[in-house]
All heavy atoms as atom14 arrays in JSON, in Angstrom:
{
  "sequence": "LIAGMQRVLVNFFDTAYQDYQSDAATGERMIWEHQELAAAIRDRDSNR",
  "atom14_mask": [
    [1, 1, 1, 1, 1, 1, 1, 1, 0, 0, 0, 0, 0, 0],
    [1, 1, 1, 1, 1, 1, 1, 1, 0, 0, 0, 0, 0, 0],
    [1, 1, 1, 1, 1, 0, 0, 0, 0, 0, 0, 0, 0, 0],
    [1, 1, 1, 1, 0, 0, 0, 0, 0, 0, 0, 0, 0, 0],
    [1, 1, 1, 1, 1, 1, 1, 1, 0, 0, 0, 0, 0, 0],
    [1, 1, 1, 1, 1, 1, 1, 1, 1, 0, 0, 0, 0, 0],
    [1, 1, 1, 1, 1, 1, 1, 1, 1, 1, 1, 0, 0, 0],
    [1, 1, 1, 1, 1, 1, 1, 0, 0, 0, 0, 0, 0, 0],
    [1, 1, 1, 1, 1, 1, 1, 1, 0, 0, 0, 0, 0, 0],
    [1, 1, 1, 1, 1, 1, 1, 0, 0, 0, 0, 0, 0, 0],
    [1, 1, 1, 1, 1, 1, 1, 1, 0, 0, 0, 0, 0, 0],
    [1, 1, 1, 1, 1, 1, 1, 1, 1, 1, 1, 0, 0, 0],
    [1, 1, 1, 1, 1, 1, 1, 1, 1, 1, 1, 0, 0, 0],
    [1, 1, 1, 1, 1, 1, 1, 1, 0, 0, 0, 0, 0, 0],
    [1, 1, 1, 1, 1, 1, 1, 0, 0, 0, 0, 0, 0, 0],
    [1, 1, 1, 1, 1, 0, 0, 0, 0, 0, 0, 0, 0, 0],
    [1, 1, 1, 1, 1, 1, 1, 1, 1, 1, 1, 1, 0, 0],
    [1, 1, 1, 1, 1, 1, 1, 1, 1, 0, 0, 0, 0, 0],
    [1, 1, 1, 1, 1, 1, 1, 1, 0, 0, 0, 0, 0, 0],
    [1, 1, 1, 1, 1, 1, 1, 1, 1, 1, 1, 1, 0, 0],
    [1, 1, 1, 1, 1, 1, 1, 1, 1, 0, 0, 0, 0, 0],
    [1, 1, 1, 1, 1, 1, 0, 0, 0, 0, 0, 0, 0, 0],
    [1, 1, 1, 1, 1, 1, 1, 1, 0, 0, 0, 0, 0, 0],
    [1, 1, 1, 1, 1, 0, 0, 0, 0, 0, 0, 0, 0, 0],
    [1, 1, 1, 1, 1, 0, 0, 0, 0, 0, 0, 0, 0, 0],
    [1, 1, 1, 1, 1, 1, 1, 0, 0, 0, 0, 0, 0, 0],
    [1, 1, 1, 1, 0, 0, 0, 0, 0, 0, 0, 0, 0, 0],
    [1, 1, 1, 1, 1, 1, 1, 1, 1, 0, 0, 0, 0, 0],
    [1, 1, 1, 1, 1, 1, 1, 1, 1, 1, 1, 0, 0, 0],
    [1, 1, 1, 1, 1, 1, 1, 1, 0, 0, 0, 0, 0, 0],
    [1, 1, 1, 1, 1, 1, 1, 1, 0, 0, 0, 0, 0, 0],
    [1, 1, 1, 1, 1, 1, 1, 1, 1, 1, 1, 1, 1, 1],
    [1, 1, 1, 1, 1, 1, 1, 1, 1, 0, 0, 0, 0, 0],
    [1, 1, 1, 1, 1, 1, 1, 1, 1, 1, 0, 0, 0, 0],
    [1, 1, 1, 1, 1, 1, 1, 1, 1, 0, 0, 0, 0, 0],
    [1, 1, 1, 1, 1, 1, 1, 1, 1, 0, 0, 0, 0, 0],
    [1, 1, 1, 1, 1, 1, 1, 1, 0, 0, 0, 0, 0, 0],
    [1, 1, 1, 1, 1, 0, 0, 0, 0, 0, 0, 0, 0, 0],
    [1, 1, 1, 1, 1, 0, 0, 0, 0, 0, 0, 0, 0, 0],
    [1, 1, 1, 1, 1, 0, 0, 0, 0, 0, 0, 0, 0, 0],
    [1, 1, 1, 1, 1, 1, 1, 1, 0, 0, 0, 0, 0, 0],
    [1, 1, 1, 1, 1, 1, 1, 1, 1, 1, 1, 0, 0, 0],
    [1, 1, 1, 1, 1, 1, 1, 1, 0, 0, 0, 0, 0, 0],
    [1, 1, 1, 1, 1, 1, 1, 1, 1, 1, 1, 0, 0, 0],
    [1, 1, 1, 1, 1, 1, 1, 1, 0, 0, 0, 0, 0, 0],
    [1, 1, 1, 1, 1, 1, 0, 0, 0, 0, 0, 0, 0, 0],
    [1, 1, 1, 1, 1, 1, 1, 1, 0, 0, 0, 0, 0, 0],
    [1, 1, 1, 1, 1, 1, 1, 1, 1, 1, 1, 0, 0, 0]
  ],
  "atom14_positions": [
    [[-11.7, -8.62, -14.48], [-10.54, -8.82, -13.62], [-10.45, -7.75, -12.54], [-10.23, -8.05, -11.36], [-9.26, -8.83, -14.45], [-7.95, -9.03, -13.68], [-7.97, -10.37, -12.95], [-6.76, -8.96, -14.62], [0.0, 0.0, 0.0], [0.0, 0.0, 0.0], [0.0, 0.0, 0.0], [0.0, 0.0, 0.0], [0.0, 0.0, 0.0], [0.0, 0.0, 0.0]],
    [[-10.63, -6.49, -12.91], [-10.57, -5.4, -11.94], [-11.68, -5.54, -10.9], [-11.45, -5.4, -9.7], [-10.65, -4.03, -12.64], [-9.4, -3.79, -13.48], [-10.82, -2.91, -11.62], [-9.45, -2.51, -14.3], [0.0, 0.0, 0.0], [0.0, 0.0, 0.0], [0.0, 0.0, 0.0], [0.0, 0.0, 0.0], [0.0, 0.0, 0.0], [0.0, 0.0, 0.0]],
    [[-12.88, -5.82, -11.37], [-14.01, -5.97, -10.44], [-13.77, -7.11, -9.47], [-14.03, -7.0, -8.27], [-15.3, -6.18, -11.22], [0.0, 0.0, 0.0], [0.0, 0.0, 0.0], [0.0, 0.0, 0.0], [0.0, 0.0, 0.0], [0.0, 0.0, 0.0], [0.0, 0.0, 0.0], [0.0, 0.0, 0.0], [0.0, 0.0, 0.0], [0.0, 0.0, 0.0]],
    [[-13.26, -8.23, -9.97], [-13.0, -9.38, -9.12], [-11.89, -9.12, -8.12], [-11.97, -9.51, -6.96], [0.0, 0.0, 0.0], [0.0, 0.0, 0.0], [0.0, 0.0, 0.0], [0.0, 0.0, 0.0], [0.0, 0.0, 0.0], [0.0, 0.0, 0.0], [0.0, 0.0, 0.0], [0.0, 0.0, 0.0], [0.0, 0.0, 0.0], [0.0, 0.0, 0.0]],
    [[-10.83, -8.45, -8.56], [-9.73, -8.13, -7.66], [-10.19, -7.21, -6.53], [-9.82, -7.39, -5.38], [-8.59, -7.44, -8.43], [-7.4, -7.08, -7.56], [-6.09, -6.26, -8.51], [-5.55, -7.6, -9.56], [0.0, 0.0, 0.0], [0.0, 0.0, 0.0], [0.0, 0.0, 0.0], [0.0, 0.0, 0.0], [0.0, 0.0, 0.0], [0.0, 0.0, 0.0]],
    [[-11.05, -6.28, -6.87], [-11.54, -5.36, -5.84], [-12.36, -6.09, -4.79], [-12.24, -5.83, -3.61], [-12.38, -4.26, -6.49], [-13.01, -3.27, -5.5], [-11.97, -2.52, -4.7], [-10.79, -2.54, -5.03], [-12.4, -1.84, -3.65], [0.0, 0.0, 0.0], [0.0, 0.0, 0.0], [0.0, 0.0, 0.0], [0.0, 0.0, 0.0], [0.0, 0.0, 0.0]],
    [[-13.19, -7.05, -5.22], [-13.99, -7.79, -4.25], [-13.08, -8.55, -3.28], [-13.34, -8.6, -2.08], [-14.93, -8.77, -4.97], [-16.16, -8.11, -5.55], [-17.21, -9.15, -5.91], [-16.74, -10.08, -6.93], [-16.82, -9.87, -8.23], [-17.34, -8.73, -8.68], [-16.39, -10.77, -9.08], [0.0, 0.0, 0.0], [0.0, 0.0, 0.0], [0.0, 0.0, 0.0]],
    [[-12.01, -9.13, -3.8], [-11.07, -9.85, -2.95], [-10.41, -8.91, -1.96], [-10.34, -9.17, -0.75], [-10.0, -10.56, -3.79], [-8.9, -11.14, -2.9], [-10.62, -11.68, -4.62], [0.0, 0.0, 0.0], [0.0, 0.0, 0.0], [0.0, 0.0, 0.0], [0.0, 0.0, 0.0], [0.0, 0.0, 0.0], [0.0, 0.0, 0.0], [0.0, 0.0, 0.0]],
    [[-9.94, -7.76, -2.44], [-9.23, -6.82, -1.57], [-10.14, -6.18, -0.54], [-9.78, -6.03, 0.63], [-8.56, -5.73, -2.42], [-7.35, -6.18, -3.25], [-6.92, -5.08, -4.21], [-6.2, -6.59, -2.36], [0.0, 0.0, 0.0], [0.0, 0.0, 0.0], [0.0, 0.0, 0.0], [0.0, 0.0, 0.0], [0.0, 0.0, 0.0], [0.0, 0.0, 0.0]],
    [[-11.34, -5.78, -0.96], [-12.26, -5.14, -0.03], [-12.64, -6.11, 1.09], [-12.68, -5.74, 2.26], [-13.52, -4.63, -0.76], [-14.61, -4.26, 0.24], [-13.17, -3.4, -1.59], [0.0, 0.0, 0.0], [0.0, 0.0, 0.0], [0.0, 0.0, 0.0], [0.0, 0.0, 0.0], [0.0, 0.0, 0.0], [0.0, 0.0, 0.0], [0.0, 0.0, 0.0]],
    [[-12.91, -7.36, 0.74], [-13.24, -8.35, 1.77], [-12.07, -8.57, 2.72], [-12.26, -8.74, 3.92], [-13.64, -9.68, 1.12], [-15.1, -9.71, 0.7], [-15.98, -9.85, 1.53], [-15.34, -9.54, -0.58], [0.0, 0.0, 0.0], [0.0, 0.0, 0.0], [0.0, 0.0, 0.0], [0.0, 0.0, 0.0], [0.0, 0.0, 0.0], [0.0, 0.0, 0.0]],
    [[-10.85, -8.53, 2.18], [-9.67, -8.7, 3.02], [-9.56, -7.55, 4.02], [-9.37, -7.76, 5.21], [-8.41, -8.74, 2.15], [-7.14, -8.63, 2.94], [-6.67, -9.7, 3.69], [-6.41, -7.46, 2.96], [-5.5, -9.61, 4.43], [-5.24, -7.35, 3.7], [-4.79, -8.42, 4.42], [0.0, 0.0, 0.0], [0.0, 0.0, 0.0], [0.0, 0.0, 0.0]],
    [[-9.7, -6.32, 3.56], [-9.55, -5.18, 4.46], [-10.71, -5.09, 5.45], [-10.54, -4.63, 6.57], [-9.42, -3.88, 3.66], [-8.05, -3.69, 3.09], [-7.8, -3.94, 1.76], [-7.0, -3.3, 3.91], [-6.52, -3.79, 1.24], [-5.72, -3.15, 3.39], [-5.48, -3.39, 2.05], [0.0, 0.0, 0.0], [0.0, 0.0, 0.0], [0.0, 0.0, 0.0]],
    [[-11.87, -5.54, 5.04], [-13.01, -5.55, 5.97], [-12.71, -6.48, 7.14], [-13.09, -6.22, 8.28], [-14.26, -6.03, 5.23], [-15.47, -6.07, 6.15], [-15.76, -5.05, 6.79], [-16.11, -7.13, 6.25], [0.0, 0.0, 0.0], [0.0, 0.0, 0.0], [0.0, 0.0, 0.0], [0.0, 0.0, 0.0], [0.0, 0.0, 0.0], [0.0, 0.0, 0.0]],
    [[-11.99, -7.57, 6.89], [-11.61, -8.5, 7.94], [-10.45, -7.96, 8.77], [-10.42, -8.09, 9.99], [-11.22, -9.86, 7.34], [-12.32, -10.36, 6.58], [-10.87, -10.86, 8.43], [0.0, 0.0, 0.0], [0.0, 0.0, 0.0], [0.0, 0.0, 0.0], [0.0, 0.0, 0.0], [0.0, 0.0, 0.0], [0.0, 0.0, 0.0], [0.0, 0.0, 0.0]],
    [[-9.48, -7.34, 8.09], [-8.27, -6.88, 8.77], [-8.52, -5.69, 9.67], [-7.89, -5.51, 10.71], [-7.2, -6.53, 7.74], [0.0, 0.0, 0.0], [0.0, 0.0, 0.0], [0.0, 0.0, 0.0], [0.0, 0.0, 0.0], [0.0, 0.0, 0.0], [0.0, 0.0, 0.0], [0.0, 0.0, 0.0], [0.0, 0.0, 0.0], [0.0, 0.0, 0.0]],
    [[-9.49, -4.82, 9.3], [-9.74, -3.61, 10.07], [-11.18, -3.61, 10.57], [-12.06, -2.95, 10.02], [-9.49, -2.37, 9.21], [-8.12, -2.36, 8.57], [-7.98, -2.23, 7.2], [-6.97, -2.48, 9.34], [-6.72, -2.23, 6.6], [-5.71, -2.48, 8.76], [-5.6, -2.35, 7.4], [-4.36, -2.35, 6.81], [0.0, 0.0, 0.0], [0.0, 0.0, 0.0]],
    [[-11.41, -4.36, 11.62], [-12.77, -4.57, 12.08], [-13.4, -3.32, 12.69], [-14.6, -3.18, 12.71], [-12.79, -5.71, 13.12], [-12.5, -7.08, 12.53], [-13.58, -7.57, 11.61], [-14.73, -7.17, 11.73], [-13.22, -8.44, 10.68], [0.0, 0.0, 0.0], [0.0, 0.0, 0.0], [0.0, 0.0, 0.0], [0.0, 0.0, 0.0], [0.0, 0.0, 0.0]],
    [[-12.59, -2.39, 13.19], [-13.18, -1.24, 13.89], [-13.06, 0.06, 13.1], [-13.03, 1.14, 13.66], [-12.5, -1.06, 15.26], [-11.01, -0.73, 15.13], [-10.47, -0.86, 14.03], [-10.42, -0.33, 16.15], [0.0, 0.0, 0.0], [0.0, 0.0, 0.0], [0.0, 0.0, 0.0], [0.0, 0.0, 0.0], [0.0, 0.0, 0.0], [0.0, 0.0, 0.0]],
    [[-13.05, -0.02, 11.77], [-12.83, 1.18, 10.97], [-13.97, 2.18, 11.04], [-13.81, 3.34, 10.74], [-12.58, 0.79, 9.5], [-13.79, 0.29, 8.76], [-14.45, 1.1, 7.84], [-14.26, -1.0, 8.97], [-15.54, 0.62, 7.15], [-15.35, -1.47, 8.28], [-15.99, -0.66, 7.36], [-17.07, -1.14, 6.69], [0.0, 0.0, 0.0], [0.0, 0.0, 0.0]],
    [[-15.18, 1.75, 11.49], [-16.31, 2.68, 11.56], [-16.76, 2.88, 13.01], [-17.89, 3.14, 13.28], [-17.48, 2.13, 10.71], [-18.26, 0.99, 11.33], [-17.59, -0.34, 11.18], [-16.45, -0.42, 10.73], [-18.27, -1.4, 11.55], [0.0, 0.0, 0.0], [0.0, 0.0, 0.0], [0.0, 0.0, 0.0], [0.0, 0.0, 0.0], [0.0, 0.0, 0.0]],
    [[-15.81, 2.82, 13.95], [-16.19, 2.71, 15.36], [-16.62, 4.02, 16.01], [-17.29, 3.98, 17.02], [-15.01, 2.11, 16.16], [-13.87, 2.94, 16.03], [0.0, 0.0, 0.0], [0.0, 0.0, 0.0], [0.0, 0.0, 0.0], [0.0, 0.0, 0.0], [0.0, 0.0, 0.0], [0.0, 0.0, 0.0], [0.0, 0.0, 0.0], [0.0, 0.0, 0.0]],
    [[-16.24, 5.19, 15.48], [-16.61, 6.43, 16.18], [-17.45, 7.33, 15.29], [-17.51, 7.17, 14.07], [-15.36, 7.18, 16.65], [-14.43, 7.52, 15.5], [-14.73, 8.49, 14.79], [-13.42, 6.81, 15.31], [0.0, 0.0, 0.0], [0.0, 0.0, 0.0], [0.0, 0.0, 0.0], [0.0, 0.0, 0.0], [0.0, 0.0, 0.0], [0.0, 0.0, 0.0]],
    [[-18.11, 8.31, 15.93], [-19.05, 9.18, 15.22], [-18.37, 10.01, 14.14], [-18.91, 10.18, 13.04], [-19.74, 10.1, 16.22], [0.0, 0.0, 0.0], [0.0, 0.0, 0.0], [0.0, 0.0, 0.0], [0.0, 0.0, 0.0], [0.0, 0.0, 0.0], [0.0, 0.0, 0.0], [0.0, 0.0, 0.0], [0.0, 0.0, 0.0], [0.0, 0.0, 0.0]],
    [[-17.18, 10.53, 14.43], [-16.47, 11.36, 13.46], [-16.14, 10.57, 12.19], [-16.29, 11.06, 11.07], [-15.2, 11.93, 14.08], [0.0, 0.0, 0.0], [0.0, 0.0, 0.0], [0.0, 0.0, 0.0], [0.0, 0.0, 0.0], [0.0, 0.0, 0.0], [0.0, 0.0, 0.0], [0.0, 0.0, 0.0], [0.0, 0.0, 0.0], [0.0, 0.0, 0.0]],
    [[-15.72, 9.33, 12.4], [-15.42, 8.47, 11.26], [-16.68, 8.19, 10.45], [-16.65, 8.2, 9.22], [-14.8, 7.14, 11.74], [-13.59, 7.4, 12.42], [-14.52, 6.22, 10.56], [0.0, 0.0, 0.0], [0.0, 0.0, 0.0], [0.0, 0.0, 0.0], [0.0, 0.0, 0.0], [0.0, 0.0, 0.0], [0.0, 0.0, 0.0], [0.0, 0.0, 0.0]],
    [[-17.8, 7.97, 11.14], [-19.06, 7.73, 10.47], [-19.48, 8.9, 9.6], [-19.89, 8.73, 8.45], [0.0, 0.0, 0.0], [0.0, 0.0, 0.0], [0.0, 0.0, 0.0], [0.0, 0.0, 0.0], [0.0, 0.0, 0.0], [0.0, 0.0, 0.0], [0.0, 0.0, 0.0], [0.0, 0.0, 0.0], [0.0, 0.0, 0.0], [0.0, 0.0, 0.0]],
    [[-19.37, 10.12, 10.14], [-19.74, 11.31, 9.38], [-18.83, 11.5, 8.17], [-19.28, 11.91, 7.09], [-19.67, 12.56, 10.27], [-20.75, 12.62, 11.34], [-22.14, 12.63, 10.73], [-22.36, 13.32, 9.72], [-23.02, 11.94, 11.29], [0.0, 0.0, 0.0], [0.0, 0.0, 0.0], [0.0, 0.0, 0.0], [0.0, 0.0, 0.0], [0.0, 0.0, 0.0]],
    [[-17.54, 11.19, 8.35], [-16.6, 11.3, 7.24], [-16.97, 10.31, 6.14], [-16.95, 10.65, 4.96], [-15.17, 11.03, 7.74], [-14.11, 11.05, 6.63], [-12.77, 10.56, 7.14], [-12.85, 9.24, 7.75], [-12.96, 8.1, 7.06], [-13.0, 8.12, 5.75], [-13.03, 6.95, 7.71], [0.0, 0.0, 0.0], [0.0, 0.0, 0.0], [0.0, 0.0, 0.0]],
    [[-17.33, 9.08, 6.54], [-17.7, 8.06, 5.57], [-18.95, 8.47, 4.79], [-19.02, 8.29, 3.57], [-17.95, 6.72, 6.27], [-16.68, 6.03, 6.75], [-17.06, 4.45, 7.55], [-17.69, 3.51, 6.14], [0.0, 0.0, 0.0], [0.0, 0.0, 0.0], [0.0, 0.0, 0.0], [0.0, 0.0, 0.0], [0.0, 0.0, 0.0], [0.0, 0.0, 0.0]],
    [[-19.93, 9.05, 5.48], [-21.16, 9.5, 4.81], [-20.83, 10.52, 3.74], [-21.22, 10.39, 2.57], [-22.15, 10.1, 5.83], [-22.69, 9.01, 6.75], [-23.29, 10.82, 5.11], [-23.5, 9.54, 7.93], [0.0, 0.0, 0.0], [0.0, 0.0, 0.0], [0.0, 0.0, 0.0], [0.0, 0.0, 0.0], [0.0, 0.0, 0.0], [0.0, 0.0, 0.0]],
    [[-20.08, 11.54, 4.13], [-19.76, 12.64, 3.21], [-18.92, 12.15, 2.03], [-19.22, 12.47, 0.87], [-19.02, 13.74, 3.97], [-18.61, 14.88, 3.08], [-19.42, 15.83, 2.54], [-17.28, 15.16, 2.63], [-18.68, 16.7, 1.76], [-17.37, 16.31, 1.81], [-16.04, 14.58, 2.84], [-16.25, 16.88, 1.19], [-14.93, 15.14, 2.23], [-15.03, 16.28, 1.42]],
    [[-17.89, 11.36, 2.3], [-16.99, 10.93, 1.24], [-17.69, 10.01, 0.23], [-17.49, 10.15, -0.98], [-15.77, 10.23, 1.83], [-14.8, 11.17, 2.51], [-13.62, 10.47, 3.13], [-13.61, 9.22, 3.15], [-12.7, 11.16, 3.61], [0.0, 0.0, 0.0], [0.0, 0.0, 0.0], [0.0, 0.0, 0.0], [0.0, 0.0, 0.0], [0.0, 0.0, 0.0]],
    [[-18.5, 9.09, 0.71], [-19.19, 8.19, -0.22], [-20.23, 8.95, -1.05], [-20.36, 8.7, -2.25], [-19.85, 7.03, 0.54], [-18.89, 5.96, 0.95], [-18.06, 6.08, 2.04], [-18.62, 4.74, 0.4], [-17.31, 4.99, 2.15], [-17.64, 4.16, 1.18], [0.0, 0.0, 0.0], [0.0, 0.0, 0.0], [0.0, 0.0, 0.0], [0.0, 0.0, 0.0]],
    [[-20.94, 9.86, -0.42], [-21.95, 10.62, -1.18], [-21.3, 11.54, -2.2], [-21.78, 11.68, -3.33], [-22.85, 11.4, -0.22], [-23.76, 10.5, 0.6], [-24.7, 11.27, 1.51], [-24.6, 12.49, 1.66], [-25.62, 10.54, 2.15], [0.0, 0.0, 0.0], [0.0, 0.0, 0.0], [0.0, 0.0, 0.0], [0.0, 0.0, 0.0], [0.0, 0.0, 0.0]],
    [[-20.21, 12.19, -1.82], [-19.51, 13.09, -2.75], [-18.88, 12.31, -3.9], [-18.89, 12.76, -5.05], [-18.45, 13.88, -2.0], [-19.0, 15.0, -1.14], [-19.71, 16.06, -1.97], [-19.11, 16.52, -2.97], [-20.85, 16.42, -1.63], [0.0, 0.0, 0.0], [0.0, 0.0, 0.0], [0.0, 0.0, 0.0], [0.0, 0.0, 0.0], [0.0, 0.0, 0.0]],
    [[-18.31, 11.16, -3.59], [-17.7, 10.34, -4.64], [-18.77, 9.86, -5.62], [-18.58, 9.92, -6.85], [-16.97, 9.14, -4.02], [-16.34, 8.14, -4.98], [-15.34, 8.83, -5.92], [-15.65, 7.01, -4.21], [0.0, 0.0, 0.0], [0.0, 0.0, 0.0], [0.0, 0.0, 0.0], [0.0, 0.0, 0.0], [0.0, 0.0, 0.0], [0.0, 0.0, 0.0]],
    [[-19.89, 9.39, -5.09], [-20.98, 8.92, -5.96], [-21.5, 10.06, -6.83], [-21.75, 9.87, -8.03], [-22.11, 8.35, -5.11], [0.0, 0.0, 0.0], [0.0, 0.0, 0.0], [0.0, 0.0, 0.0], [0.0, 0.0, 0.0], [0.0, 0.0, 0.0], [0.0, 0.0, 0.0], [0.0, 0.0, 0.0], [0.0, 0.0, 0.0], [0.0, 0.0, 0.0]],
    [[-21.64, 11.25, -6.24], [-22.15, 12.4, -7.01], [-21.16, 12.81, -8.1], [-21.57, 13.16, -9.21], [-22.4, 13.57, -6.06], [0.0, 0.0, 0.0], [0.0, 0.0, 0.0], [0.0, 0.0, 0.0], [0.0, 0.0, 0.0], [0.0, 0.0, 0.0], [0.0, 0.0, 0.0], [0.0, 0.0, 0.0], [0.0, 0.0, 0.0], [0.0, 0.0, 0.0]],
    [[-19.89, 12.77, -7.8], [-18.87, 13.15, -8.78], [-18.88, 12.19, -9.96], [-18.76, 12.61, -11.12], [-17.49, 13.18, -8.13], [0.0, 0.0, 0.0], [0.0, 0.0, 0.0], [0.0, 0.0, 0.0], [0.0, 0.0, 0.0], [0.0, 0.0, 0.0], [0.0, 0.0, 0.0], [0.0, 0.0, 0.0], [0.0, 0.0, 0.0], [0.0, 0.0, 0.0]],
    [[-19.03, 10.9, -9.68], [-19.08, 9.91, -10.77], [-20.37, 10.08, -11.57], [-20.37, 10.02, -12.8], [-18.96, 8.49, -10.2], [-17.55, 8.29, -9.63], [-19.26, 7.44, -11.27], [-17.35, 6.99, -8.89], [0.0, 0.0, 0.0], [0.0, 0.0, 0.0], [0.0, 0.0, 0.0], [0.0, 0.0, 0.0], [0.0, 0.0, 0.0], [0.0, 0.0, 0.0]],
    [[-21.47, 10.33, -10.87], [-22.75, 10.57, -11.56], [-22.65, 11.78, -12.49], [-23.17, 11.78, -13.61], [-23.85, 10.81, -10.54], [-25.23, 11.14, -11.12], [-26.08, 11.81, -10.07], [-25.49, 13.09, -9.65], [-25.74, 13.7, -8.49], [-26.56, 13.12, -7.62], [-25.18, 14.85, -8.21], [0.0, 0.0, 0.0], [0.0, 0.0, 0.0], [0.0, 0.0, 0.0]],
    [[-21.93, 12.82, -12.04], [-21.77, 14.04, -12.83], [-20.66, 13.93, -13.86], [-20.37, 14.89, -14.57], [-21.48, 15.23, -11.9], [-22.63, 15.51, -10.94], [-23.76, 15.06, -11.23], [-22.4, 16.16, -9.9], [0.0, 0.0, 0.0], [0.0, 0.0, 0.0], [0.0, 0.0, 0.0], [0.0, 0.0, 0.0], [0.0, 0.0, 0.0], [0.0, 0.0, 0.0]],
    [[-20.0, 12.76, -13.92], [-18.9, 12.51, -14.85], [-17.77, 13.53, -14.66], [-17.16, 14.0, -15.61], [-19.39, 12.55, -16.31], [-20.67, 11.77, -16.56], [-20.5, 10.28, -16.45], [-21.78, 9.56, -16.66], [-21.9, 8.24, -16.7], [-20.83, 7.47, -16.55], [-23.07, 7.67, -16.88], [0.0, 0.0, 0.0], [0.0, 0.0, 0.0], [0.0, 0.0, 0.0]],
    [[-17.5, 13.82, -13.41], [-16.46, 14.79, -13.04], [-15.23, 14.03, -12.54], [-15.12, 13.7, -11.36], [-17.01, 15.73, -11.95], [-16.07, 16.89, -11.64], [-14.86, 16.76, -11.91], [-16.55, 17.91, -11.12], [0.0, 0.0, 0.0], [0.0, 0.0, 0.0], [0.0, 0.0, 0.0], [0.0, 0.0, 0.0], [0.0, 0.0, 0.0], [0.0, 0.0, 0.0]],
    [[-14.28, 13.77, -13.44], [-13.11, 12.95, -13.11], [-12.25, 13.57, -12.03], [-11.78, 12.89, -11.1], [-12.26, 12.71, -14.36], [-12.96, 11.92, -15.29], [0.0, 0.0, 0.0], [0.0, 0.0, 0.0], [0.0, 0.0, 0.0], [0.0, 0.0, 0.0], [0.0, 0.0, 0.0], [0.0, 0.0, 0.0], [0.0, 0.0, 0.0], [0.0, 0.0, 0.0]],
    [[-11.99, 14.88, -12.13], [-11.11, 15.54, -11.16], [-11.68, 15.47, -9.75], [-10.98, 15.14, -8.78], [-10.88, 17.0, -11.56], [-10.01, 17.13, -12.8], [-9.2, 16.25, -13.08], [-10.19, 18.22, -13.54], [0.0, 0.0, 0.0], [0.0, 0.0, 0.0], [0.0, 0.0, 0.0], [0.0, 0.0, 0.0], [0.0, 0.0, 0.0], [0.0, 0.0, 0.0]],
    [[-12.98, 15.75, -9.62], [-13.6, 15.71, -8.29], [-13.65, 14.27, -7.76], [-13.42, 14.04, -6.57], [-15.02, 16.31, -8.35], [-15.74, 16.37, -7.0], [-16.84, 17.42, -6.98], [-17.84, 17.19, -7.99], [-19.08, 16.71, -7.76], [-19.43, 16.41, -6.52], [-19.93, 16.55, -8.73], [0.0, 0.0, 0.0], [0.0, 0.0, 0.0], [0.0, 0.0, 0.0]]
  ]
}
């Protein structure tokens, strides 16, 4: 249920906010945040 709800919501926001990755600063922020989040989950670090 959670996985399915997320797919619905993510697709909705992808449509609603078409220019969310439009500038370089936003792109760099997205790179860092996704990599750090993935690393924290890999390291089983809930707080981070």
